[in-house]
PDB file of N, CA and C in Angstrom:
ATOM      1  N   UNK A   1     -24.952  -0.618  32.973  1.00  0.00           N
ATOM      2  CA  UNK A   1     -24.827  -0.013  31.514  1.00  0.00           C
ATOM      3  C   UNK A   1     -25.635   1.939  31.138  1.00  0.00           C
ATOM      4  N   UNK A   2     -26.164   2.340  32.909  1.00  0.00           N
ATOM      5  CA  UNK A   2     -26.369   3.631  32.572  1.00  0.00           C
ATOM      6  C   UNK A   2     -25.957   4.774  33.361  1.00  0.00           C
ATOM      7  N   UNK A   3     -25.182   3.908  34.398  1.00  0.00           N
ATOM      8  CA  UNK A   3     -24.604   4.842  35.649  1.00  0.00           C
ATOM      9  C   UNK A   3     -22.896   4.720  34.815  1.00  0.00           C
ATOM     10  N   UNK A   4     -22.232   3.783  33.347  1.00  0.00           N
ATOM     11  CA  UNK A   4     -21.515   4.177  32.845  1.00  0.00           C
ATOM     12  C   UNK A   4     -21.688   5.163  31.926  1.00  0.00           C
ATOM     13  N   UNK A   5     -22.880   5.630  31.727  1.00  0.00           N
ATOM     14  CA  UNK A   5     -23.042   6.359  30.020  1.00  0.00           C
ATOM     15  C   UNK A   5     -22.940   8.295  30.840  1.00  0.00           C
ATOM     16  N   UNK A   6     -23.002   7.413  31.918  1.00  0.00           N
ATOM     17  CA  UNK A   6     -23.329   9.152  32.981  1.00  0.00           C
ATOM     18  C   UNK A   6     -21.374   9.635  33.571  1.00  0.00           C
ATOM     19  N   UNK A   7     -20.813   8.464  33.878  1.00  0.00           N
ATOM     20  CA  UNK A   7     -19.562   9.190  34.209  1.00  0.00           C
ATOM     21  C   UNK A   7     -19.295   8.877  32.799  1.00  0.00           C
ATOM     22  N   UNK A   8     -19.065   8.518  31.576  1.00  0.00           N
ATOM     23  CA  UNK A   8     -18.734   8.985  30.445  1.00  0.00           C
ATOM     24  C   UNK A   8     -19.108  10.471  29.907  1.00  0.00           C
ATOM     25  N   UNK A   9     -20.262  10.317  30.555  1.00  0.00           N
ATOM     26  CA  UNK A   9     -20.994  12.177  30.055  1.00  0.00           C
ATOM     27  C   UNK A   9     -20.390  13.488  30.703  1.00  0.00           C
ATOM     28  N   UNK A  10     -20.553  12.601  31.720  1.00  0.00           N
ATOM     29  CA  UNK A  10     -19.469  13.223  32.971  1.00  0.00           C
ATOM     30  C   UNK A  10     -18.226  13.860  32.521  1.00  0.00           C
ATOM     31  N   UNK A  11     -16.889  12.707  31.979  1.00  0.00           N
ATOM     32  CA  UNK A  11     -15.921  12.747  31.891  1.00  0.00           C
ATOM     33  C   UNK A  11     -15.562  13.581  30.417  1.00  0.00           C
ATOM     34  N   UNK A  12     -16.406  14.353  29.436  1.00  0.00           N
ATOM     35  CA  UNK A  12     -16.865  14.908  28.359  1.00  0.00           C
ATOM     36  C   UNK A  12     -17.067  15.739  28.807  1.00  0.00           C
ATOM     37  N   UNK A  13     -17.339  16.340  29.986  1.00  0.00           N
ATOM     38  CA  UNK A  13     -17.769  17.431  29.881  1.00  0.00           C
ATOM     39  C   UNK A  13     -16.797  18.232  30.677  1.00  0.00           C
ATOM     40  N   UNK A  14     -16.132  17.711  31.006  1.00  0.00           N
ATOM     41  CA  UNK A  14     -15.047  17.921  31.196  1.00  0.00           C
ATOM     42  C   UNK A  14     -13.335  18.797  30.827  1.00  0.00           C
ATOM     43  N   UNK A  15     -14.011  18.351  29.956  1.00  0.00           N
ATOM     44  CA  UNK A  15     -12.724  18.126  28.489  1.00  0.00           C
ATOM     45  C   UNK A  15     -12.985  19.400  28.000  1.00  0.00           C
ATOM     46  N   UNK A  16     -11.624  20.107  27.248  1.00  0.00           N
ATOM     47  CA  UNK A  16     -11.303  21.656  25.981  1.00  0.00           C
ATOM     48  C   UNK A  16     -11.837  20.883  24.954  1.00  0.00           C
ATOM     49  N   UNK A  17     -12.589  22.371  24.269  1.00  0.00           N
ATOM     50  CA  UNK A  17     -13.004  22.402  22.958  1.00  0.00           C
ATOM     51  C   UNK A  17     -11.650  21.092  22.456  1.00  0.00           C
ATOM     52  N   UNK A  18     -10.468  21.934  22.909  1.00  0.00           N
ATOM     53  CA  UNK A  18      -9.315  21.269  22.005  1.00  0.00           C
ATOM     54  C   UNK A  18      -9.022  19.155  21.962  1.00  0.00           C
ATOM     55  N   UNK A  19      -9.734  19.090  23.095  1.00  0.00           N
ATOM     56  CA  UNK A  19      -8.731  17.885  23.970  1.00  0.00           C
ATOM     57  C   UNK A  19     -10.852  16.698  23.081  1.00  0.00           C
ATOM     58  N   UNK A  20     -11.838  17.868  23.043  1.00  0.00           N
ATOM     59  CA  UNK A  20     -12.703  17.393  22.323  1.00  0.00           C
ATOM     60  C   UNK A  20     -12.379  16.405  20.520  1.00  0.00           C
ATOM     61  N   UNK A  21     -11.993  17.842  19.810  1.00  0.00           N
ATOM     62  CA  UNK A  21     -11.096  17.398  18.411  1.00  0.00           C
ATOM     63  C   UNK A  21     -10.824  17.185  17.912  1.00  0.00           C
ATOM     64  N   UNK A  22      -9.523  15.935  19.109  1.00  0.00           N
ATOM     65  CA  UNK A  22      -8.138  15.812  19.531  1.00  0.00           C
ATOM     66  C   UNK A  22      -8.497  14.282  19.385  1.00  0.00           C
ATOM     67  N   UNK A  23      -9.596  13.817  19.903  1.00  0.00           N
ATOM     68  CA  UNK A  23     -10.379  12.448  19.950  1.00  0.00           C
ATOM     69  C   UNK A  23     -10.869  12.651  18.933  1.00  0.00           C
ATOM     70  N   UNK A  24     -11.982  13.314  17.870  1.00  0.00           N
ATOM     71  CA  UNK A  24     -13.327  13.548  17.158  1.00  0.00           C
ATOM     72  C   UNK A  24     -11.311  13.417  15.665  1.00  0.00           C
ATOM     73  N   UNK A  25     -10.392  13.857  15.929  1.00  0.00           N
ATOM     74  CA  UNK A  25      -9.565  13.551  14.735  1.00  0.00           C
ATOM     75  C   UNK A  25      -8.976  12.247  14.768  1.00  0.00           C
ATOM     76  N   UNK A  26      -8.905  11.744  16.124  1.00  0.00           N
ATOM     77  CA  UNK A  26      -8.239  10.056  16.453  1.00  0.00           C
ATOM     78  C   UNK A  26      -9.275   8.962  16.068  1.00  0.00           C
ATOM     79  N   UNK A  27     -10.069   9.435  16.276  1.00  0.00           N
ATOM     80  CA  UNK A  27     -11.218   7.812  16.087  1.00  0.00           C
ATOM     81  C   UNK A  27     -11.219   8.169  14.598  1.00  0.00           C
ATOM     82  N   UNK A  28     -11.373   9.271  13.558  1.00  0.00           N
ATOM     83  CA  UNK A  28     -11.794   9.175  12.464  1.00  0.00           C
ATOM     84  C   UNK A  28     -10.249   9.053  11.237  1.00  0.00           C
ATOM     85  N   UNK A  29      -9.504   9.093  12.143  1.00  0.00           N
ATOM     86  CA  UNK A  29      -8.320   8.873  11.308  1.00  0.00           C
ATOM     87  C   UNK A  29      -8.180   6.831  11.708  1.00  0.00           C
ATOM     88  N   UNK A  30      -8.608   6.137  13.121  1.00  0.00           N
ATOM     89  CA  UNK A  30      -8.459   4.491  12.813  1.00  0.00           C
ATOM     90  C   UNK A  30     -10.043   4.735  11.708  1.00  0.00           C
ATOM     91  N   UNK A  31     -11.298   5.563  11.283  1.00  0.00           N
ATOM     92  CA  UNK A  31     -11.425   4.383  10.713  1.00  0.00           C
ATOM     93  C   UNK A  31     -11.798   4.783   9.018  1.00  0.00           C
ATOM     94  N   UNK A  32     -10.401   5.734   9.209  1.00  0.00           N
ATOM     95  CA  UNK A  32      -9.207   5.912   7.873  1.00  0.00           C
ATOM     96  C   UNK A  32      -8.647   4.291   7.831  1.00  0.00           C
ATOM     97  N   UNK A  33      -8.398   3.997   8.700  1.00  0.00           N
ATOM     98  CA  UNK A  33      -7.050   2.635   8.859  1.00  0.00           C
ATOM     99  C   UNK A  33      -7.554   1.680   8.743  1.00  0.00           C
ATOM    100  N   UNK A  34      -8.642   1.628   9.576  1.00  0.00           N
ATOM    101  CA  UNK A  34     -10.282   0.424   9.160  1.00  0.00           C
ATOM    102  C   UNK A  34     -10.273   0.217   7.512  1.00  0.00           C
ATOM    103  N   UNK A  35     -10.969   1.442   6.718  1.00  0.00           N
ATOM    104  CA  UNK A  35     -11.374   1.585   5.649  1.00  0.00           C
ATOM    105  C   UNK A  35      -9.874   0.929   4.442  1.00  0.00           C
ATOM    106  N   UNK A  36      -8.775   1.628   5.157  1.00  0.00           N
ATOM    107  CA  UNK A  36      -7.855   1.068   4.116  1.00  0.00           C
ATOM    108  C   UNK A  36      -7.399  -0.127   4.165  1.00  0.00           C
ATOM    109  N   UNK A  37      -7.129  -0.771   5.000  1.00  0.00           N
ATOM    110  CA  UNK A  37      -6.877  -2.595   5.782  1.00  0.00           C
ATOM    111  C   UNK A  37      -8.440  -3.370   4.660  1.00  0.00           C
ATOM    112  N   UNK A  38      -9.349  -2.549   4.771  1.00  0.00           N
ATOM    113  CA  UNK A  38     -10.632  -3.091   3.858  1.00  0.00           C
ATOM    114  C   UNK A  38     -10.236  -3.405   2.493  1.00  0.00           C
ATOM    115  N   UNK A  39      -9.880  -1.999   2.286  1.00  0.00           N
ATOM    116  CA  UNK A  39     -10.179  -2.606   0.772  1.00  0.00           C
ATOM    117  C   UNK A  39     -10.649  -0.687   0.195  1.00  0.00           C
ATOM    118  N   UNK A  40     -11.473  -0.269   1.260  1.00  0.00           N
ATOM    119  CA  UNK A  40     -12.690   0.599   1.039  1.00  0.00           C
ATOM    120  C   UNK A  40     -11.768   1.569   0.706  1.00  0.00           C
ATOM    121  N   UNK A  41     -11.297   1.680  -0.232  1.00  0.00           N
ATOM    122  CA  UNK A  41     -10.141   2.960  -1.253  1.00  0.00           C
ATOM    123  C   UNK A  41     -10.941   3.313  -2.174  1.00  0.00           C
ATOM    124  N   UNK A  42     -10.221   4.285  -2.627  1.00  0.00           N
ATOM    125  CA  UNK A  42     -10.410   4.914  -4.062  1.00  0.00           C
ATOM    126  C   UNK A  42      -9.708   5.458  -5.113  1.00  0.00           C
ATOM    127  N   UNK A  43      -9.234   5.184  -6.119  1.00  0.00           N
ATOM    128  CA  UNK A  43      -7.827   6.383  -5.625  1.00  0.00           C
ATOM    129  C   UNK A  43      -7.909   6.756  -6.894  1.00  0.00           C
ATOM    130  N   UNK A  44      -7.218   8.076  -7.115  1.00  0.00           N
ATOM    131  CA  UNK A  44      -7.546  10.384  -7.416  1.00  0.00           C
ATOM    132  C   UNK A  44      -8.970   9.808  -8.478  1.00  0.00           C
ATOM    133  N   UNK A  45      -8.106   9.124  -9.238  1.00  0.00           N
ATOM    134  CA  UNK A  45      -9.095   9.257 -10.789  1.00  0.00           C
ATOM    135  C   UNK A  45      -9.749   9.185 -10.227  1.00  0.00           C
ATOM    136  N   UNK A  46     -10.676   7.989  -9.236  1.00  0.00           N
ATOM    137  CA  UNK A  46     -12.116   7.209  -9.200  1.00  0.00           C
ATOM    138  C   UNK A  46     -12.878   8.218  -8.694  1.00  0.00           C
ATOM    139  N   UNK A  47     -11.835   8.642  -7.970  1.00  0.00           N
ATOM    140  CA  UNK A  47     -12.086   9.997  -7.578  1.00  0.00           C
ATOM    141  C   UNK A  47     -12.663  11.472  -8.172  1.00  0.00           C
ATOM    142  N   UNK A  48     -12.015  11.823  -9.199  1.00  0.00           N
ATOM    143  CA  UNK A  48     -12.499  12.647  -9.788  1.00  0.00           C
ATOM    144  C   UNK A  48     -13.432  12.479 -10.829  1.00  0.00           C
ATOM    145  N   UNK A  49     -13.501  11.867 -11.004  1.00  0.00           N
ATOM    146  CA  UNK A  49     -14.434  11.670 -11.910  1.00  0.00           C
ATOM    147  C   UNK A  49     -15.522  10.715 -10.740  1.00  0.00           C
ATOM    148  N   UNK A  50     -16.082  10.715 -10.008  1.00  0.00           N
ATOM    149  CA  UNK A  50     -17.265  10.959  -9.002  1.00  0.00           C
ATOM    150  C   UNK A  50     -17.518  12.451  -8.863  1.00  0.00           C
ATOM    151  N   UNK A  51     -16.491  12.694  -8.623  1.00  0.00           N
ATOM    152  CA  UNK A  51     -17.017  14.702  -8.115  1.00  0.00           C
ATOM    153  C   UNK A  51     -17.381  15.029 -10.001  1.00  0.00           C
ATOM    154  N   UNK A  52     -17.379  15.057 -10.647  1.00  0.00           N
ATOM    155  CA  UNK A  52     -17.324  14.633 -12.206  1.00  0.00           C
ATOM    156  C   UNK A  52     -18.996  14.860 -12.129  1.00  0.00           C
ATOM    157  N   UNK A  53     -18.918  13.456 -12.132  1.00  0.00           N
ATOM    158  CA  UNK A  53     -20.703  12.578 -11.903  1.00  0.00           C
ATOM    159  C   UNK A  53     -21.569  13.606 -10.958  1.00  0.00           C
ATOM    160  N   UNK A  54     -21.660  13.610 -10.335  1.00  0.00           N
ATOM    161  CA  UNK A  54     -21.865  14.427  -8.508  1.00  0.00           C
ATOM    162  C   UNK A  54     -21.827  15.767  -8.699  1.00  0.00           C
ATOM    163  N   UNK A  55     -21.198  16.401  -9.550  1.00  0.00           N
ATOM    164  CA  UNK A  55     -21.345  17.660  -9.334  1.00  0.00           C
ATOM    165  C   UNK A  55     -21.136  18.941 -10.570  1.00  0.00           C
ATOM    166  N   UNK A  56     -21.494  19.006 -11.590  1.00  0.00           N
ATOM    167  CA  UNK A  56     -21.756  19.346 -12.918  1.00  0.00           C
ATOM    168  C   UNK A  56     -19.916  20.640 -12.876  1.00  0.00           C
ATOM    169  N   UNK A  57     -20.379  21.597 -12.278  1.00  0.00           N
ATOM    170  CA  UNK A  57     -19.302  22.086 -11.764  1.00  0.00           C
ATOM    171  C   UNK A  57     -17.792  22.586 -11.324  1.00  0.00           C
ATOM    172  N   UNK A  58     -17.244  20.695 -10.978  1.00  0.00           N
ATOM    173  CA  UNK A  58     -16.100  20.461 -10.944  1.00  0.00           C
ATOM    174  C   UNK A  58     -15.581  20.049 -12.077  1.00  0.00           C
ATOM    175  N   UNK A  59     -14.351  20.921 -12.063  1.00  0.00           N
ATOM    176  CA  UNK A  59     -12.797  20.879 -13.207  1.00  0.00           C
ATOM    177  C   UNK A  59     -11.990  20.836 -12.076  1.00  0.00           C
ATOM    178  N   UNK A  60     -11.565  19.515 -12.440  1.00  0.00           N
ATOM    179  CA  UNK A  60      -9.912  20.127 -11.544  1.00  0.00           C
ATOM    180  C   UNK A  60      -9.147  20.019 -12.723  1.00  0.00           C
ATOM    181  N   UNK A  61      -9.392  20.426 -14.487  1.00  0.00           N
ATOM    182  CA  UNK A  61      -7.831  20.613 -15.811  1.00  0.00           C
ATOM    183  C   UNK A  61      -7.356  21.346 -15.525  1.00  0.00           C
TER     184      UNK A  61
END
């Protein structure tokens, strides 16, 4: 397991910042797709209400 981790880290070190960012975006999109499949989403209206509660200065009107 430690050897595999070392190989993975060595490979990551060879990637450019753009490649690392692309991998990050791909992982975030995958997580978003999984959340949607599991029903872990909210409507725009729910999101606006949440922002209003959490941030006094939030105003979308």
